[in-house]
PDB file of all heavy atoms in Angstrom:
ATOM      1  N   VAL A   1       0.851  -1.189   0.000  1.00  0.00           N
ATOM      2  CA  VAL A   1       0.000   0.000   0.000  1.00  0.00           C
ATOM      3  C   VAL A   1       0.885   1.237   0.000  1.00  0.00           C
ATOM      4  O   VAL A   1       1.995   1.226   0.536  1.00  0.00           O
ATOM      5  CB  VAL A   1      -0.966   0.065   1.200  1.00  0.00           C
ATOM      6  CG1 VAL A   1      -1.991  -1.049   1.137  1.00  0.00           C
ATOM      7  CG2 VAL A   1      -0.216   0.035   2.528  1.00  0.00           C
ATOM      8  N   VAL A   2       0.368   2.284  -0.635  1.00  0.00           N
ATOM      9  CA  VAL A   2       0.975   3.605  -0.559  1.00  0.00           C
ATOM     10  C   VAL A   2       0.032   4.463   0.276  1.00  0.00           C
ATOM     11  O   VAL A   2      -1.170   4.533  -0.013  1.00  0.00           O
ATOM     12  CB  VAL A   2       1.170   4.217  -1.963  1.00  0.00           C
ATOM     13  CG1 VAL A   2       1.661   5.658  -1.864  1.00  0.00           C
ATOM     14  CG2 VAL A   2       2.146   3.379  -2.776  1.00  0.00           C
ATOM     15  N   ILE A   3       0.570   5.090   1.321  1.00  0.00           N
ATOM     16  CA  ILE A   3      -0.247   5.943   2.183  1.00  0.00           C
ATOM     17  C   ILE A   3       0.206   7.385   1.980  1.00  0.00           C
ATOM     18  O   ILE A   3       1.394   7.698   2.087  1.00  0.00           O
ATOM     19  CB  ILE A   3      -0.134   5.518   3.667  1.00  0.00           C
ATOM     20  CG1 ILE A   3      -0.573   4.049   3.814  1.00  0.00           C
ATOM     21  CG2 ILE A   3      -0.985   6.419   4.549  1.00  0.00           C
ATOM     22  CD1 ILE A   3      -0.462   3.499   5.215  1.00  0.00           C
ATOM     23  N   GLU A   4      -0.769   8.253   1.647  1.00  0.00           N
ATOM     24  CA  GLU A   4      -0.453   9.621   1.263  1.00  0.00           C
ATOM     25  C   GLU A   4      -1.177  10.623   2.146  1.00  0.00           C
ATOM     26  O   GLU A   4      -2.261  10.340   2.673  1.00  0.00           O
ATOM     27  CB  GLU A   4      -0.899   9.887  -0.185  1.00  0.00           C
ATOM     28  CG  GLU A   4      -0.213   9.064  -1.227  1.00  0.00           C
ATOM     29  CD  GLU A   4      -0.685   9.445  -2.628  1.00  0.00           C
ATOM     30  OE1 GLU A   4      -1.579  10.302  -2.765  1.00  0.00           O
ATOM     31  OE2 GLU A   4      -0.144   8.880  -3.575  1.00  0.00           O
ATOM     32  N   GLU A   5      -0.593  11.822   2.206  1.00  0.00           N
ATOM     33  CA  GLU A   5      -1.310  12.916   2.858  1.00  0.00           C
ATOM     34  C   GLU A   5      -2.558  13.261   2.054  1.00  0.00           C
ATOM     35  O   GLU A   5      -2.610  13.091   0.836  1.00  0.00           O
ATOM     36  CB  GLU A   5      -0.411  14.154   2.975  1.00  0.00           C
ATOM     37  CG  GLU A   5      -0.108  14.836   1.657  1.00  0.00           C
ATOM     38  CD  GLU A   5       0.569  16.181   1.806  1.00  0.00           C
ATOM     39  OE1 GLU A   5       0.174  16.959   2.688  1.00  0.00           O
ATOM     40  OE2 GLU A   5       1.501  16.452   1.022  1.00  0.00           O
ATOM     41  N   PHE A   6      -3.560  13.743   2.758  1.00  0.00           N
ATOM     42  CA  PHE A   6      -4.805  14.176   2.117  1.00  0.00           C
ATOM     43  C   PHE A   6      -4.618  15.588   1.581  1.00  0.00           C
ATOM     44  O   PHE A   6      -4.148  16.478   2.290  1.00  0.00           O
ATOM     45  CB  PHE A   6      -5.943  14.139   3.137  1.00  0.00           C
ATOM     46  CG  PHE A   6      -7.241  14.711   2.640  1.00  0.00           C
ATOM     47  CD1 PHE A   6      -8.052  13.962   1.814  1.00  0.00           C
ATOM     48  CD2 PHE A   6      -7.634  16.000   2.989  1.00  0.00           C
ATOM     49  CE1 PHE A   6      -9.259  14.483   1.346  1.00  0.00           C
ATOM     50  CE2 PHE A   6      -8.829  16.525   2.522  1.00  0.00           C
ATOM     51  CZ  PHE A   6      -9.644  15.764   1.702  1.00  0.00           C
ATOM     52  N   LEU A   7      -4.961  15.788   0.308  1.00  0.00           N
ATOM     53  CA  LEU A   7      -4.800  17.096  -0.322  1.00  0.00           C
ATOM     54  C   LEU A   7      -6.166  17.776  -0.488  1.00  0.00           C
ATOM     55  O   LEU A   7      -7.128  17.150  -0.906  1.00  0.00           O
ATOM     56  CB  LEU A   7      -4.140  16.955  -1.700  1.00  0.00           C
ATOM     57  CG  LEU A   7      -2.715  16.391  -1.732  1.00  0.00           C
ATOM     58  CD1 LEU A   7      -2.256  16.229  -3.178  1.00  0.00           C
ATOM     59  CD2 LEU A   7      -1.755  17.290  -0.963  1.00  0.00           C
ATOM     60  N   GLU A   8      -6.208  19.070  -0.176  1.00  0.00           N
ATOM     61  CA  GLU A   8      -7.420  19.866  -0.370  1.00  0.00           C
ATOM     62  C   GLU A   8      -7.386  20.497  -1.759  1.00  0.00           C
ATOM     63  O   GLU A   8      -6.323  20.864  -2.256  1.00  0.00           O
ATOM     64  CB  GLU A   8      -7.492  20.986   0.676  1.00  0.00           C
ATOM     65  CG  GLU A   8      -7.642  20.499   2.105  1.00  0.00           C
ATOM     66  CD  GLU A   8      -9.091  20.242   2.481  1.00  0.00           C
ATOM     67  OE1 GLU A   8      -9.975  20.348   1.596  1.00  0.00           O
ATOM     68  OE2 GLU A   8      -9.333  19.922   3.652  1.00  0.00           O
ATOM     69  N   GLY A   9      -8.554  20.655  -2.370  1.00  0.00           N
ATOM     70  CA  GLY A   9      -8.616  21.336  -3.655  1.00  0.00           C
ATOM     71  C   GLY A   9      -9.642  20.702  -4.567  1.00  0.00           C
ATOM     72  O   GLY A   9     -10.536  19.974  -4.120  1.00  0.00           O
ATOM     73  N   GLU A  10      -9.504  20.982  -5.859  1.00  0.00           N
ATOM     74  CA  GLU A  10     -10.414  20.457  -6.872  1.00  0.00           C
ATOM     75  C   GLU A  10      -9.615  19.621  -7.858  1.00  0.00           C
ATOM     76  O   GLU A  10      -8.544  20.039  -8.312  1.00  0.00           O
ATOM     77  CB  GLU A  10     -11.104  21.616  -7.594  1.00  0.00           C
ATOM     78  CG  GLU A  10     -12.259  21.181  -8.466  1.00  0.00           C
ATOM     79  CD  GLU A  10     -13.094  22.349  -8.969  1.00  0.00           C
ATOM     80  OE1 GLU A  10     -13.056  23.439  -8.365  1.00  0.00           O
ATOM     81  OE2 GLU A  10     -13.775  22.150  -9.991  1.00  0.00           O
ATOM     82  N   GLU A  11     -10.142  18.432  -8.186  1.00  0.00           N
ATOM     83  CA  GLU A  11      -9.426  17.528  -9.090  1.00  0.00           C
ATOM     84  C   GLU A  11      -9.733  17.851 -10.550  1.00  0.00           C
ATOM     85  O   GLU A  11     -10.816  18.309 -10.878  1.00  0.00           O
ATOM     86  CB  GLU A  11      -9.832  16.069  -8.817  1.00  0.00           C
ATOM     87  CG  GLU A  11      -9.294  15.506  -7.521  1.00  0.00           C
ATOM     88  CD  GLU A  11      -9.586  14.024  -7.402  1.00  0.00           C
ATOM     89  OE1 GLU A  11      -9.400  13.290  -8.393  1.00  0.00           O
ATOM     90  OE2 GLU A  11     -10.009  13.596  -6.310  1.00  0.00           O
ATOM     91  N   ALA A  12      -8.748  17.596 -11.408  1.00  0.00           N
ATOM     92  CA  ALA A  12      -8.967  17.697 -12.850  1.00  0.00           C
ATOM     93  C   ALA A  12      -8.116  16.645 -13.542  1.00  0.00           C
ATOM     94  O   ALA A  12      -7.097  16.184 -12.998  1.00  0.00           O
ATOM     95  CB  ALA A  12      -8.614  19.089 -13.366  1.00  0.00           C
ATOM     96  N   SER A  13      -8.552  16.265 -14.736  1.00  0.00           N
ATOM     97  CA  SER A  13      -7.821  15.287 -15.544  1.00  0.00           C
ATOM     98  C   SER A  13      -7.058  16.030 -16.631  1.00  0.00           C
ATOM     99  O   SER A  13      -7.658  16.762 -17.416  1.00  0.00           O
ATOM    100  CB  SER A  13      -8.797  14.293 -16.191  1.00  0.00           C
ATOM    101  OG  SER A  13      -9.615  13.689 -15.206  1.00  0.00           O
ATOM    102  N   PHE A  14      -5.747  15.832 -16.656  1.00  0.00           N
ATOM    103  CA  PHE A  14      -4.888  16.532 -17.617  1.00  0.00           C
ATOM    104  C   PHE A  14      -4.224  15.459 -18.476  1.00  0.00           C
ATOM    105  O   PHE A  14      -3.356  14.729 -18.006  1.00  0.00           O
ATOM    106  CB  PHE A  14      -3.838  17.357 -16.865  1.00  0.00           C
ATOM    107  CG  PHE A  14      -3.214  18.454 -17.683  1.00  0.00           C
ATOM    108  CD1 PHE A  14      -3.674  19.758 -17.594  1.00  0.00           C
ATOM    109  CD2 PHE A  14      -2.163  18.187 -18.547  1.00  0.00           C
ATOM    110  CE1 PHE A  14      -3.102  20.782 -18.351  1.00  0.00           C
ATOM    111  CE2 PHE A  14      -1.585  19.192 -19.304  1.00  0.00           C
ATOM    112  CZ  PHE A  14      -2.057  20.492 -19.201  1.00  0.00           C
ATOM    113  N   ILE A  15      -4.658  15.346 -19.730  1.00  0.00           N
ATOM    114  CA  ILE A  15      -4.223  14.243 -20.595  1.00  0.00           C
ATOM    115  C   ILE A  15      -3.472  14.804 -21.793  1.00  0.00           C
ATOM    116  O   ILE A  15      -3.911  15.773 -22.420  1.00  0.00           O
ATOM    117  CB  ILE A  15      -5.424  13.403 -21.061  1.00  0.00           C
ATOM    118  CG1 ILE A  15      -6.284  12.979 -19.854  1.00  0.00           C
ATOM    119  CG2 ILE A  15      -4.957  12.165 -21.831  1.00  0.00           C
ATOM    120  CD1 ILE A  15      -7.583  12.288 -20.218  1.00  0.00           C
ATOM    121  N   VAL A  16      -2.332  14.201 -22.096  1.00  0.00           N
ATOM    122  CA  VAL A  16      -1.516  14.635 -23.231  1.00  0.00           C
ATOM    123  C   VAL A  16      -1.155  13.426 -24.098  1.00  0.00           C
ATOM    124  O   VAL A  16      -1.212  12.280 -23.653  1.00  0.00           O
ATOM    125  CB  VAL A  16      -0.219  15.348 -22.775  1.00  0.00           C
ATOM    126  CG1 VAL A  16      -0.542  16.590 -21.957  1.00  0.00           C
ATOM    127  CG2 VAL A  16       0.689  14.406 -21.977  1.00  0.00           C
ATOM    128  N   ILE A  17      -0.774  13.718 -25.345  1.00  0.00           N
ATOM    129  CA  ILE A  17      -0.270  12.706 -26.274  1.00  0.00           C
ATOM    130  C   ILE A  17       1.246  12.868 -26.338  1.00  0.00           C
ATOM    131  O   ILE A  17       1.743  13.981 -26.522  1.00  0.00           O
ATOM    132  CB  ILE A  17      -0.901  12.886 -27.668  1.00  0.00           C
ATOM    133  CG1 ILE A  17      -2.402  12.573 -27.597  1.00  0.00           C
ATOM    134  CG2 ILE A  17      -0.221  11.999 -28.705  1.00  0.00           C
ATOM    135  CD1 ILE A  17      -3.161  12.943 -28.860  1.00  0.00           C
ATOM    136  N   CYS A  18       1.988  11.771 -26.161  1.00  0.00           N
ATOM    137  CA  CYS A  18       3.457  11.833 -26.110  1.00  0.00           C
ATOM    138  C   CYS A  18       4.060  10.873 -27.129  1.00  0.00           C
ATOM    139  O   CYS A  18       3.507   9.807 -27.395  1.00  0.00           O
ATOM    140  CB  CYS A  18       3.980  11.408 -24.733  1.00  0.00           C
ATOM    141  SG  CYS A  18       3.061  12.014 -23.337  1.00  0.00           S
ATOM    142  N   ASP A  19       5.239  11.240 -27.638  1.00  0.00           N
ATOM    143  CA  ASP A  19       5.986  10.340 -28.531  1.00  0.00           C
ATOM    144  C   ASP A  19       7.338   9.948 -27.938  1.00  0.00           C
ATOM    145  O   ASP A  19       8.207   9.436 -28.634  1.00  0.00           O
ATOM    146  CB  ASP A  19       6.181  10.991 -29.914  1.00  0.00           C
ATOM    147  CG  ASP A  19       7.092  12.221 -29.862  1.00  0.00           C
ATOM    148  OD1 ASP A  19       7.618  12.548 -28.777  1.00  0.00           O
ATOM    149  OD2 ASP A  19       7.280  12.864 -30.915  1.00  0.00           O
ATOM    150  N   GLY A  20       7.503  10.161 -26.627  1.00  0.00           N
ATOM    151  CA  GLY A  20       8.773   9.882 -25.963  1.00  0.00           C
ATOM    152  C   GLY A  20       9.606  11.124 -25.733  1.00  0.00           C
ATOM    153  O   GLY A  20      10.425  11.168 -24.825  1.00  0.00           O
ATOM    154  N   LYS A  21       9.385  12.157 -26.573  1.00  0.00           N
ATOM    155  CA  LYS A  21      10.118  13.421 -26.450  1.00  0.00           C
ATOM    156  C   LYS A  21       9.179  14.623 -26.430  1.00  0.00           C
ATOM    157  O   LYS A  21       9.341  15.542 -25.648  1.00  0.00           O
ATOM    158  CB  LYS A  21      11.090  13.596 -27.622  1.00  0.00           C
ATOM    159  CG  LYS A  21      12.324  12.719 -27.591  1.00  0.00           C
ATOM    160  CD  LYS A  21      13.229  13.021 -28.781  1.00  0.00           C
ATOM    161  CE  LYS A  21      14.476  12.140 -28.757  1.00  0.00           C
ATOM    162  NZ  LYS A  21      15.366  12.458 -27.650  1.00  0.00           N
ATOM    163  N   HIS A  22       8.220  14.611 -27.344  1.00  0.00           N
ATOM    164  CA  HIS A  22       7.335  15.756 -27.524  1.00  0.00           C
ATOM    165  C   HIS A  22       5.951  15.479 -26.953  1.00  0.00           C
ATOM    166  O   HIS A  22       5.540  14.321 -26.838  1.00  0.00           O
ATOM    167  CB  HIS A  22       7.219  16.111 -29.013  1.00  0.00           C
ATOM    168  CG  HIS A  22       8.535  16.285 -29.691  1.00  0.00           C
ATOM    169  ND1 HIS A  22       8.854  15.663 -30.884  1.00  0.00           N
ATOM    170  CD2 HIS A  22       9.637  16.992 -29.334  1.00  0.00           C
ATOM    171  CE1 HIS A  22      10.085  15.986 -31.230  1.00  0.00           C
ATOM    172  NE2 HIS A  22      10.578  16.791 -30.311  1.00  0.00           N
ATOM    173  N   VAL A  23       5.232  16.572 -26.675  1.00  0.00           N
ATOM    174  CA  VAL A  23       3.932  16.471 -26.022  1.00  0.00           C
ATOM    175  C   VAL A  23       2.930  17.378 -26.717  1.00  0.00           C
ATOM    176  O   VAL A  23       3.245  18.525 -27.032  1.00  0.00           O
ATOM    177  CB  VAL A  23       4.060  16.899 -24.537  1.00  0.00           C
ATOM    178  CG1 VAL A  23       2.694  16.991 -23.889  1.00  0.00           C
ATOM    179  CG2 VAL A  23       4.945  15.938 -23.774  1.00  0.00           C
ATOM    180  N   VAL A  24       1.717  16.866 -26.951  1.00  0.00           N
ATOM    181  CA  VAL A  24       0.607  17.679 -27.426  1.00  0.00           C
ATOM    182  C   VAL A  24      -0.547  17.497 -26.442  1.00  0.00           C
ATOM    183  O   VAL A  24      -1.030  16.369 -26.262  1.00  0.00           O
ATOM    184  CB  VAL A  24       0.165  17.273 -28.850  1.00  0.00           C
ATOM    185  CG1 VAL A  24      -1.123  17.995 -29.241  1.00  0.00           C
ATOM    186  CG2 VAL A  24       1.258  17.570 -29.859  1.00  0.00           C
ATOM    187  N   PRO A  25      -0.978  18.572 -25.767  1.00  0.00           N
ATOM    188  CA  PRO A  25      -2.050  18.412 -24.776  1.00  0.00           C
ATOM    189  C   PRO A  25      -3.420  18.246 -25.419  1.00  0.00           C
ATOM    190  O   PRO A  25      -3.708  18.821 -26.471  1.00  0.00           O
ATOM    191  CB  PRO A  25      -1.981  19.716 -23.960  1.00  0.00           C
ATOM    192  CG  PRO A  25      -1.302  20.703 -24.836  1.00  0.00           C
ATOM    193  CD  PRO A  25      -0.430  19.937 -25.796  1.00  0.00           C
ATOM    194  N   LEU A  26      -4.255  17.442 -24.782  1.00  0.00           N
ATOM    195  CA  LEU A  26      -5.658  17.320 -25.162  1.00  0.00           C
ATOM    196  C   LEU A  26      -6.474  18.340 -24.363  1.00  0.00           C
ATOM    197  O   LEU A  26      -5.954  19.001 -23.461  1.00  0.00           O
ATOM    198  CB  LEU A  26      -6.158  15.901 -24.886  1.00  0.00           C
ATOM    199  CG  LEU A  26      -5.535  14.794 -25.740  1.00  0.00           C
ATOM    200  CD1 LEU A  26      -5.984  13.434 -25.244  1.00  0.00           C
ATOM    201  CD2 LEU A  26      -5.908  14.975 -27.207  1.00  0.00           C
ATOM    202  N   ALA A  27      -7.748  18.459 -24.693  1.00  0.00           N
ATOM    203  CA  ALA A  27      -8.627  19.348 -23.937  1.00  0.00           C
ATOM    204  C   ALA A  27      -8.709  18.877 -22.483  1.00  0.00           C
ATOM    205  O   ALA A  27      -8.638  17.676 -22.196  1.00  0.00           O
ATOM    206  CB  ALA A  27     -10.019  19.363 -24.571  1.00  0.00           C
ATOM    207  N   THR A  28      -8.879  19.817 -21.575  1.00  0.00           N
ATOM    208  CA  THR A  28      -8.991  19.480 -20.154  1.00  0.00           C
ATOM    209  C   THR A  28     -10.368  18.860 -19.875  1.00  0.00           C
ATOM    210  O   THR A  28     -11.316  19.022 -20.651  1.00  0.00           O
ATOM    211  CB  THR A  28      -8.809  20.727 -19.278  1.00  0.00           C
ATOM    212  OG1 THR A  28      -9.831  21.682 -19.609  1.00  0.00           O
ATOM    213  CG2 THR A  28      -7.438  21.338 -19.512  1.00  0.00           C
ATOM    214  N   SER A  29     -10.439  18.157 -18.748  1.00  0.00           N
ATOM    215  CA  SER A  29     -11.700  17.515 -18.377  1.00  0.00           C
ATOM    216  C   SER A  29     -11.749  17.314 -16.879  1.00  0.00           C
ATOM    217  O   SER A  29     -10.735  17.453 -16.184  1.00  0.00           O
ATOM    218  CB  SER A  29     -11.846  16.164 -19.096  1.00  0.00           C
ATOM    219  OG  SER A  29     -10.754  15.316 -18.788  1.00  0.00           O
ATOM    220  N   GLN A  30     -12.925  16.993 -16.390  1.00  0.00           N
ATOM    221  CA  GLN A  30     -13.084  16.692 -14.968  1.00  0.00           C
ATOM    222  C   GLN A  30     -13.996  15.482 -14.815  1.00  0.00           C
ATOM    223  O   GLN A  30     -15.061  15.416 -15.428  1.00  0.00           O
ATOM    224  CB  GLN A  30     -13.662  17.897 -14.219  1.00  0.00           C
ATOM    225  CG  GLN A  30     -13.624  17.729 -12.708  1.00  0.00           C
ATOM    226  CD  GLN A  30     -13.952  19.032 -11.984  1.00  0.00           C
ATOM    227  OE1 GLN A  30     -15.028  19.586 -12.169  1.00  0.00           O
ATOM    228  NE2 GLN A  30     -13.047  19.521 -11.169  1.00  0.00           N
ATOM    229  N   ASP A  31     -13.530  14.529 -14.020  1.00  0.00           N
ATOM    230  CA  ASP A  31     -14.236  13.274 -13.762  1.00  0.00           C
ATOM    231  C   ASP A  31     -15.010  13.403 -12.452  1.00  0.00           C
ATOM    232  O   ASP A  31     -14.741  14.291 -11.642  1.00  0.00           O
ATOM    233  CB  ASP A  31     -13.176  12.156 -13.672  1.00  0.00           C
ATOM    234  CG  ASP A  31     -13.784  10.765 -13.538  1.00  0.00           C
ATOM    235  OD1 ASP A  31     -14.993  10.611 -13.749  1.00  0.00           O
ATOM    236  OD2 ASP A  31     -13.022   9.833 -13.227  1.00  0.00           O
TER     237      ASP A  31
END
């Protein structure tokens, strides 16, 4: 198990496309 401190705030999903070196971000989203 990994035990972590509890973080306050709002969650968001940040998804990008990678080729090992370069990155292109996708649109932001929230689950």
